[in-house]
Amino acid sequence: MKLNERFIIFHADDEAMLVAQGGEDFSGLVRGSEAFGDILELLKEDTSEEALIAAMADRYDAPVEVLTKDIRDALAKLRDIGAIVD
């Protein structure tokens, strides 16, 4: 899976924003935490859910179960708006 190239990532302070450039059913802005921004950055390259979980576990001191749930929730929302290409 990979981030759809029609979406752009912006970072401001401790917040990440994802913006659709057009041509998608979704038109708007998605805001999230710095960790959400890390997920988006990892999705710039083709990756798997397992690789995302491993990369985030290296970056954050959190239980793997919590990271897994948060990543799955983020991926579901990104899929809903067409921001991920599988």
PDB file of N, CA and C in Angstrom:
ATOM      1  N   MET A   1       0.848  -1.172   0.000  1.00  0.00           N
ATOM      2  CA  MET A   1       0.000   0.000   0.000  1.00  0.00           C
ATOM      3  C   MET A   1       0.890   1.230   0.000  1.00  0.00           C
ATOM      4  N   LYS A   2       0.305   2.301  -0.505  1.00  0.00           N
ATOM      5  CA  LYS A   2       1.077   3.540  -0.655  1.00  0.00           C
ATOM      6  C   LYS A   2       0.110   4.720  -0.644  1.00  0.00           C
ATOM      7  N   LEU A   3       0.612   5.882  -0.257  1.00  0.00           N
ATOM      8  CA  LEU A   3      -0.198   7.098  -0.273  1.00  0.00           C
ATOM      9  C   LEU A   3      -0.521   7.477  -1.714  1.00  0.00           C
ATOM     10  N   ASN A   4      -1.769   7.790  -1.979  1.00  0.00           N
ATOM     11  CA  ASN A   4      -2.215   8.234  -3.297  1.00  0.00           C
ATOM     12  C   ASN A   4      -1.477   9.527  -3.633  1.00  0.00           C
ATOM     13  N   GLU A   5      -0.882   9.584  -4.813  1.00  0.00           N
ATOM     14  CA  GLU A   5      -0.075  10.756  -5.195  1.00  0.00           C
ATOM     15  C   GLU A   5      -0.897  12.032  -5.341  1.00  0.00           C
ATOM     16  N   ARG A   6      -2.203  11.922  -5.313  1.00  0.00           N
ATOM     17  CA  ARG A   6      -3.060  13.114  -5.408  1.00  0.00           C
ATOM     18  C   ARG A   6      -3.300  13.770  -4.053  1.00  0.00           C
ATOM     19  N   PHE A   7      -2.630  13.267  -3.038  1.00  0.00           N
ATOM     20  CA  PHE A   7      -2.719  13.852  -1.706  1.00  0.00           C
ATOM     21  C   PHE A   7      -1.363  14.414  -1.316  1.00  0.00           C
ATOM     22  N   ILE A   8      -1.385  15.578  -0.670  1.00  0.00           N
ATOM     23  CA  ILE A   8      -0.161  16.264  -0.253  1.00  0.00           C
ATOM     24  C   ILE A   8      -0.131  16.338   1.270  1.00  0.00           C
ATOM     25  N   ILE A   9       1.049  16.130   1.826  1.00  0.00           N
ATOM     26  CA  ILE A   9       1.250  16.197   3.277  1.00  0.00           C
ATOM     27  C   ILE A   9       1.878  17.535   3.638  1.00  0.00           C
ATOM     28  N   PHE A  10       1.337  18.173   4.671  1.00  0.00           N
ATOM     29  CA  PHE A  10       1.910  19.391   5.233  1.00  0.00           C
ATOM     30  C   PHE A  10       2.154  19.169   6.716  1.00  0.00           C
ATOM     31  N   HIS A  11       3.203  19.772   7.233  1.00  0.00           N
ATOM     32  CA  HIS A  11       3.505  19.698   8.659  1.00  0.00           C
ATOM     33  C   HIS A  11       3.550  21.112   9.212  1.00  0.00           C
ATOM     34  N   ALA A  12       2.921  21.300  10.357  1.00  0.00           N
ATOM     35  CA  ALA A  12       2.953  22.591  11.043  1.00  0.00           C
ATOM     36  C   ALA A  12       3.029  22.325  12.541  1.00  0.00           C
ATOM     37  N   ASP A  13       4.107  22.768  13.148  1.00  0.00           N
ATOM     38  CA  ASP A  13       4.343  22.537  14.572  1.00  0.00           C
ATOM     39  C   ASP A  13       4.259  21.044  14.866  1.00  0.00           C
ATOM     40  N   ASP A  14       3.345  20.638  15.722  1.00  0.00           N
ATOM     41  CA  ASP A  14       3.217  19.219  16.081  1.00  0.00           C
ATOM     42  C   ASP A  14       1.980  18.591  15.440  1.00  0.00           C
ATOM     43  N   GLU A  15       1.602  19.102  14.291  1.00  0.00           N
ATOM     44  CA  GLU A  15       0.401  18.637  13.596  1.00  0.00           C
ATOM     45  C   GLU A  15       0.729  18.306  12.139  1.00  0.00           C
ATOM     46  N   ALA A  16       0.056  17.295  11.623  1.00  0.00           N
ATOM     47  CA  ALA A  16       0.198  16.919  10.217  1.00  0.00           C
ATOM     48  C   ALA A  16      -1.138  17.148   9.523  1.00  0.00           C
ATOM     49  N   MET A  17      -1.069  17.557   8.260  1.00  0.00           N
ATOM     50  CA  MET A  17      -2.279  17.776   7.473  1.00  0.00           C
ATOM     51  C   MET A  17      -2.140  17.070   6.133  1.00  0.00           C
ATOM     52  N   LEU A  18      -3.236  16.493   5.685  1.00  0.00           N
ATOM     53  CA  LEU A  18      -3.284  15.808   4.407  1.00  0.00           C
ATOM     54  C   LEU A  18      -4.351  16.501   3.566  1.00  0.00           C
ATOM     55  N   VAL A  19      -3.965  16.921   2.368  1.00  0.00           N
ATOM     56  CA  VAL A  19      -4.866  17.677   1.506  1.00  0.00           C
ATOM     57  C   VAL A  19      -4.999  16.964   0.168  1.00  0.00           C
ATOM     58  N   ALA A  20      -6.250  16.819  -0.289  1.00  0.00           N
ATOM     59  CA  ALA A  20      -6.497  16.240  -1.613  1.00  0.00           C
ATOM     60  C   ALA A  20      -6.281  17.325  -2.657  1.00  0.00           C
ATOM     61  N   GLN A  21      -5.551  16.995  -3.735  1.00  0.00           N
ATOM     62  CA  GLN A  21      -5.258  17.961  -4.797  1.00  0.00           C
ATOM     63  C   GLN A  21      -6.392  18.089  -5.798  1.00  0.00           C
ATOM     64  N   GLY A  22      -7.294  17.170  -5.810  1.00  0.00           N
ATOM     65  CA  GLY A  22      -8.381  17.190  -6.781  1.00  0.00           C
ATOM     66  C   GLY A  22      -8.463  15.877  -7.517  1.00  0.00           C
ATOM     67  N   GLY A  23      -9.563  15.673  -8.177  1.00  0.00           N
ATOM     68  CA  GLY A  23      -9.756  14.444  -8.903  1.00  0.00           C
ATOM     69  C   GLY A  23     -10.188  13.292  -8.022  1.00  0.00           C
ATOM     70  N   GLU A  24     -10.406  13.544  -6.760  1.00  0.00           N
ATOM     71  CA  GLU A  24     -10.849  12.517  -5.819  1.00  0.00           C
ATOM     72  C   GLU A  24     -12.261  12.846  -5.352  1.00  0.00           C
ATOM     73  N   ASP A  25     -12.955  11.828  -4.857  1.00  0.00           N
ATOM     74  CA  ASP A  25     -14.283  12.057  -4.287  1.00  0.00           C
ATOM     75  C   ASP A  25     -14.188  12.902  -3.025  1.00  0.00           C
ATOM     76  N   PHE A  26     -13.067  12.801  -2.331  1.00  0.00           N
ATOM     77  CA  PHE A  26     -12.848  13.566  -1.113  1.00  0.00           C
ATOM     78  C   PHE A  26     -12.211  14.899  -1.467  1.00  0.00           C
ATOM     79  N   SER A  27     -12.759  15.958  -0.944  1.00  0.00           N
ATOM     80  CA  SER A  27     -12.123  17.263  -1.097  1.00  0.00           C
ATOM     81  C   SER A  27     -12.124  17.921   0.278  1.00  0.00           C
ATOM     82  N   GLY A  28     -10.965  18.095   0.795  1.00  0.00           N
ATOM     83  CA  GLY A  28     -10.881  18.673   2.125  1.00  0.00           C
ATOM     84  C   GLY A  28      -9.518  18.479   2.727  1.00  0.00           C
ATOM     85  N   LEU A  29      -9.490  18.616   4.029  1.00  0.00           N
ATOM     86  CA  LEU A  29      -8.258  18.575   4.798  1.00  0.00           C
ATOM     87  C   LEU A  29      -8.433  17.586   5.936  1.00  0.00           C
ATOM     88  N   VAL A  30      -7.431  16.741   6.146  1.00  0.00           N
ATOM     89  CA  VAL A  30      -7.418  15.820   7.273  1.00  0.00           C
ATOM     90  C   VAL A  30      -6.286  16.261   8.188  1.00  0.00           C
ATOM     91  N   ARG A  31      -6.606  16.487   9.452  1.00  0.00           N
ATOM     92  CA  ARG A  31      -5.603  16.927  10.420  1.00  0.00           C
ATOM     93  C   ARG A  31      -5.330  15.817  11.408  1.00  0.00           C
ATOM     94  N   GLY A  32      -4.084  15.711  11.826  1.00  0.00           N
ATOM     95  CA  GLY A  32      -3.734  14.686  12.799  1.00  0.00           C
ATOM     96  C   GLY A  32      -2.483  15.054  13.563  1.00  0.00           C
ATOM     97  N   SER A  33      -2.128  14.171  14.449  1.00  0.00           N
ATOM     98  CA  SER A  33      -0.972  14.371  15.319  1.00  0.00           C
ATOM     99  C   SER A  33       0.338  14.187  14.569  1.00  0.00           C
ATOM    100  N   GLU A  34       1.403  14.424  15.271  1.00  0.00           N
ATOM    101  CA  GLU A  34       2.738  14.195  14.719  1.00  0.00           C
ATOM    102  C   GLU A  34       2.908  12.716  14.346  1.00  0.00           C
ATOM    103  N   ALA A  35       2.363  11.827  15.172  1.00  0.00           N
ATOM    104  CA  ALA A  35       2.435  10.391  14.877  1.00  0.00           C
ATOM    105  C   ALA A  35       1.680  10.070  13.586  1.00  0.00           C
ATOM    106  N   PHE A  36       0.528  10.707  13.375  1.00  0.00           N
ATOM    107  CA  PHE A  36      -0.216  10.535  12.125  1.00  0.00           C
ATOM    108  C   PHE A  36       0.647  10.998  10.951  1.00  0.00           C
ATOM    109  N   GLY A  37       1.361  12.078  11.140  1.00  0.00           N
ATOM    110  CA  GLY A  37       2.269  12.571  10.108  1.00  0.00           C
ATOM    111  C   GLY A  37       3.370  11.573   9.803  1.00  0.00           C
ATOM    112  N   ASP A  38       3.860  10.881  10.838  1.00  0.00           N
ATOM    113  CA  ASP A  38       4.873   9.849  10.624  1.00  0.00           C
ATOM    114  C   ASP A  38       4.304   8.703   9.781  1.00  0.00           C
ATOM    115  N   ILE A  39       3.076   8.324  10.052  1.00  0.00           N
ATOM    116  CA  ILE A  39       2.417   7.278   9.257  1.00  0.00           C
ATOM    117  C   ILE A  39       2.311   7.731   7.807  1.00  0.00           C
ATOM    118  N   LEU A  40       1.890   8.964   7.599  1.00  0.00           N
ATOM    119  CA  LEU A  40       1.770   9.487   6.231  1.00  0.00           C
ATOM    120  C   LEU A  40       3.110   9.480   5.518  1.00  0.00           C
ATOM    121  N   GLU A  41       4.163   9.899   6.205  1.00  0.00           N
ATOM    122  CA  GLU A  41       5.495   9.919   5.595  1.00  0.00           C
ATOM    123  C   GLU A  41       5.947   8.516   5.217  1.00  0.00           C
ATOM    124  N   LEU A  42       5.668   7.543   6.078  1.00  0.00           N
ATOM    125  CA  LEU A  42       6.025   6.150   5.770  1.00  0.00           C
ATOM    126  C   LEU A  42       5.249   5.629   4.571  1.00  0.00           C
ATOM    127  N   LEU A  43       4.037   6.150   4.374  1.00  0.00           N
ATOM    128  CA  LEU A  43       3.203   5.717   3.254  1.00  0.00           C
ATOM    129  C   LEU A  43       3.624   6.342   1.917  1.00  0.00           C
ATOM    130  N   LYS A  44       4.614   7.209   1.925  1.00  0.00           N
ATOM    131  CA  LYS A  44       5.116   7.758   0.658  1.00  0.00           C
ATOM    132  C   LYS A  44       5.764   6.659  -0.180  1.00  0.00           C
ATOM    133  N   GLU A  45       6.277   5.641   0.507  1.00  0.00           N
ATOM    134  CA  GLU A  45       6.872   4.477  -0.153  1.00  0.00           C
ATOM    135  C   GLU A  45       5.929   3.299   0.019  1.00  0.00           C
ATOM    136  N   ASP A  46       5.955   2.393  -0.941  1.00  0.00           N
ATOM    137  CA  ASP A  46       5.128   1.198  -0.852  1.00  0.00           C
ATOM    138  C   ASP A  46       5.522   0.421   0.405  1.00  0.00           C
ATOM    139  N   THR A  47       4.551   0.074   1.228  1.00  0.00           N
ATOM    140  CA  THR A  47       4.825  -0.581   2.505  1.00  0.00           C
ATOM    141  C   THR A  47       3.678  -1.505   2.875  1.00  0.00           C
ATOM    142  N   SER A  48       3.818  -2.173   3.979  1.00  0.00           N
ATOM    143  CA  SER A  48       2.770  -3.059   4.488  1.00  0.00           C
ATOM    144  C   SER A  48       2.362  -2.591   5.879  1.00  0.00           C
ATOM    145  N   GLU A  49       1.238  -3.095   6.341  1.00  0.00           N
ATOM    146  CA  GLU A  49       0.781  -2.755   7.686  1.00  0.00           C
ATOM    147  C   GLU A  49       1.814  -3.210   8.722  1.00  0.00           C
ATOM    148  N   GLU A  50       2.370  -4.387   8.523  1.00  0.00           N
ATOM    149  CA  GLU A  50       3.361  -4.913   9.455  1.00  0.00           C
ATOM    150  C   GLU A  50       4.606  -4.016   9.499  1.00  0.00           C
ATOM    151  N   ALA A  51       5.038  -3.542   8.347  1.00  0.00           N
ATOM    152  CA  ALA A  51       6.209  -2.654   8.297  1.00  0.00           C
ATOM    153  C   ALA A  51       5.910  -1.316   8.974  1.00  0.00           C
ATOM    154  N   LEU A  52       4.694  -0.813   8.803  1.00  0.00           N
ATOM    155  CA  LEU A  52       4.299   0.433   9.486  1.00  0.00           C
ATOM    156  C   LEU A  52       4.344   0.254  10.995  1.00  0.00           C
ATOM    157  N   ILE A  53       3.796  -0.847  11.468  1.00  0.00           N
ATOM    158  CA  ILE A  53       3.773  -1.113  12.910  1.00  0.00           C
ATOM    159  C   ILE A  53       5.204  -1.200  13.444  1.00  0.00           C
ATOM    160  N   ALA A  54       6.072  -1.911  12.740  1.00  0.00           N
ATOM    161  CA  ALA A  54       7.469  -2.042  13.176  1.00  0.00           C
ATOM    162  C   ALA A  54       8.176  -0.687  13.193  1.00  0.00           C
ATOM    163  N   ALA A  55       7.970   0.112  12.159  1.00  0.00           N
ATOM    164  CA  ALA A  55       8.612   1.431  12.086  1.00  0.00           C
ATOM    165  C   ALA A  55       8.113   2.350  13.197  1.00  0.00           C
ATOM    166  N   MET A  56       6.825   2.311  13.456  1.00  0.00           N
ATOM    167  CA  MET A  56       6.278   3.172  14.511  1.00  0.00           C
ATOM    168  C   MET A  56       6.713   2.687  15.896  1.00  0.00           C
ATOM    169  N   ALA A  57       6.868   1.382  16.062  1.00  0.00           N
ATOM    170  CA  ALA A  57       7.349   0.841  17.339  1.00  0.00           C
ATOM    171  C   ALA A  57       8.783   1.280  17.604  1.00  0.00           C
ATOM    172  N   ASP A  58       9.575   1.449  16.540  1.00  0.00           N
ATOM    173  CA  ASP A  58      10.939   1.953  16.686  1.00  0.00           C
ATOM    174  C   ASP A  58      10.961   3.424  17.084  1.00  0.00           C
ATOM    175  N   ARG A  59       9.936   4.168  16.666  1.00  0.00           N
ATOM    176  CA  ARG A  59       9.904   5.621  16.915  1.00  0.00           C
ATOM    177  C   ARG A  59       9.235   5.993  18.222  1.00  0.00           C
ATOM    178  N   TYR A  60       8.261   5.199  18.653  1.00  0.00           N
ATOM    179  CA  TYR A  60       7.446   5.576  19.806  1.00  0.00           C
ATOM    180  C   TYR A  60       7.503   4.508  20.890  1.00  0.00           C
ATOM    181  N   ASP A  61       7.546   4.964  22.119  1.00  0.00           N
ATOM    182  CA  ASP A  61       7.547   4.074  23.276  1.00  0.00           C
ATOM    183  C   ASP A  61       6.096   3.831  23.688  1.00  0.00           C
ATOM    184  N   ALA A  62       5.467   2.910  22.979  1.00  0.00           N
ATOM    185  CA  ALA A  62       4.071   2.585  23.245  1.00  0.00           C
ATOM    186  C   ALA A  62       3.888   1.090  23.045  1.00  0.00           C
ATOM    187  N   PRO A  63       2.913   0.501  23.725  1.00  0.00           N
ATOM    188  CA  PRO A  63       2.653  -0.925  23.532  1.00  0.00           C
ATOM    189  C   PRO A  63       2.274  -1.222  22.071  1.00  0.00           C
ATOM    190  N   VAL A  64       2.774  -2.329  21.549  1.00  0.00           N
ATOM    191  CA  VAL A  64       2.513  -2.703  20.162  1.00  0.00           C
ATOM    192  C   VAL A  64       1.007  -2.823  19.904  1.00  0.00           C
ATOM    193  N   GLU A  65       0.254  -3.275  20.895  1.00  0.00           N
ATOM    194  CA  GLU A  65      -1.200  -3.408  20.721  1.00  0.00           C
ATOM    195  C   GLU A  65      -1.849  -2.049  20.471  1.00  0.00           C
ATOM    196  N   VAL A  66      -1.376  -1.038  21.170  1.00  0.00           N
ATOM    197  CA  VAL A  66      -1.908   0.325  21.008  1.00  0.00           C
ATOM    198  C   VAL A  66      -1.512   0.866  19.634  1.00  0.00           C
ATOM    199  N   LEU A  67      -0.249   0.696  19.272  1.00  0.00           N
ATOM    200  CA  LEU A  67       0.215   1.150  17.954  1.00  0.00           C
ATOM    201  C   LEU A  67      -0.558   0.459  16.832  1.00  0.00           C
ATOM    202  N   THR A  68      -0.762  -0.832  16.972  1.00  0.00           N
ATOM    203  CA  THR A  68      -1.480  -1.597  15.946  1.00  0.00           C
ATOM    204  C   THR A  68      -2.885  -1.065  15.769  1.00  0.00           C
ATOM    205  N   LYS A  69      -3.594  -0.840  16.872  1.00  0.00           N
ATOM    206  CA  LYS A  69      -4.965  -0.315  16.784  1.00  0.00           C
ATOM    207  C   LYS A  69      -4.975   1.067  16.147  1.00  0.00           C
ATOM    208  N   ASP A  70      -4.079   1.944  16.592  1.00  0.00           N
ATOM    209  CA  ASP A  70      -4.035   3.304  16.054  1.00  0.00           C
ATOM    210  C   ASP A  70      -3.699   3.308  14.560  1.00  0.00           C
ATOM    211  N   ILE A  71      -2.762   2.479  14.160  1.00  0.00           N
ATOM    212  CA  ILE A  71      -2.385   2.410  12.746  1.00  0.00           C
ATOM    213  C   ILE A  71      -3.532   1.857  11.914  1.00  0.00           C
ATOM    214  N   ARG A  72      -4.182   0.813  12.394  1.00  0.00           N
ATOM    215  CA  ARG A  72      -5.325   0.252  11.654  1.00  0.00           C
ATOM    216  C   ARG A  72      -6.460   1.261  11.533  1.00  0.00           C
ATOM    217  N   ASP A  73      -6.703   2.016  12.592  1.00  0.00           N
ATOM    218  CA  ASP A  73      -7.741   3.061  12.540  1.00  0.00           C
ATOM    219  C   ASP A  73      -7.374   4.128  11.508  1.00  0.00           C
ATOM    220  N   ALA A  74      -6.115   4.562  11.527  1.00  0.00           N
ATOM    221  CA  ALA A  74      -5.665   5.586  10.570  1.00  0.00           C
ATOM    222  C   ALA A  74      -5.775   5.067   9.138  1.00  0.00           C
ATOM    223  N   LEU A  75      -5.343   3.832   8.912  1.00  0.00           N
ATOM    224  CA  LEU A  75      -5.408   3.259   7.563  1.00  0.00           C
ATOM    225  C   LEU A  75      -6.848   3.143   7.074  1.00  0.00           C
ATOM    226  N   ALA A  76      -7.753   2.766   7.958  1.00  0.00           N
ATOM    227  CA  ALA A  76      -9.167   2.658   7.575  1.00  0.00           C
ATOM    228  C   ALA A  76      -9.708   4.015   7.148  1.00  0.00           C
ATOM    229  N   LYS A  77      -9.384   5.056   7.893  1.00  0.00           N
ATOM    230  CA  LYS A  77      -9.854   6.400   7.542  1.00  0.00           C
ATOM    231  C   LYS A  77      -9.233   6.868   6.229  1.00  0.00           C
ATOM    232  N   LEU A  78      -7.949   6.583   6.044  1.00  0.00           N
ATOM    233  CA  LEU A  78      -7.282   6.977   4.801  1.00  0.00           C
ATOM    234  C   LEU A  78      -7.867   6.229   3.603  1.00  0.00           C
ATOM    235  N   ARG A  79      -8.188   4.959   3.786  1.00  0.00           N
ATOM    236  CA  ARG A  79      -8.823   4.197   2.702  1.00  0.00           C
ATOM    237  C   ARG A  79     -10.211   4.767   2.374  1.00  0.00           C
ATOM    238  N   ASP A  80     -10.947   5.154   3.401  1.00  0.00           N
ATOM    239  CA  ASP A  80     -12.296   5.706   3.211  1.00  0.00           C
ATOM    240  C   ASP A  80     -12.291   6.944   2.316  1.00  0.00           C
ATOM    241  N   ILE A  81     -11.225   7.734   2.368  1.00  0.00           N
ATOM    242  CA  ILE A  81     -11.178   8.968   1.565  1.00  0.00           C
ATOM    243  C   ILE A  81     -10.375   8.779   0.279  1.00  0.00           C
ATOM    244  N   GLY A  82      -9.910   7.564   0.043  1.00  0.00           N
ATOM    245  CA  GLY A  82      -9.165   7.299  -1.185  1.00  0.00           C
ATOM    246  C   GLY A  82      -7.720   7.748  -1.158  1.00  0.00           C
ATOM    247  N   ALA A  83      -7.160   7.891   0.057  1.00  0.00           N
ATOM    248  CA  ALA A  83      -5.793   8.384   0.176  1.00  0.00           C
ATOM    249  C   ALA A  83      -4.750   7.280   0.092  1.00  0.00           C
ATOM    250  N   ILE A  84      -5.200   6.028   0.067  1.00  0.00           N
ATOM    251  CA  ILE A  84      -4.260   4.903  -0.023  1.00  0.00           C
ATOM    252  C   ILE A  84      -4.540   4.112  -1.294  1.00  0.00           C
ATOM    253  N   VAL A  85      -3.457   3.771  -1.968  1.00  0.00           N
ATOM    254  CA  VAL A  85      -3.526   2.891  -3.132  1.00  0.00           C
ATOM    255  C   VAL A  85      -2.976   1.548  -2.685  1.00  0.00           C
ATOM    256  N   ASP A  86      -3.802   0.513  -2.769  1.00  0.00           N
ATOM    257  CA  ASP A  86      -3.343  -0.836  -2.359  1.00  0.00           C
ATOM    258  C   ASP A  86      -2.686  -1.566  -3.494  1.00  0.00           C
TER     259      ASP A  86
END
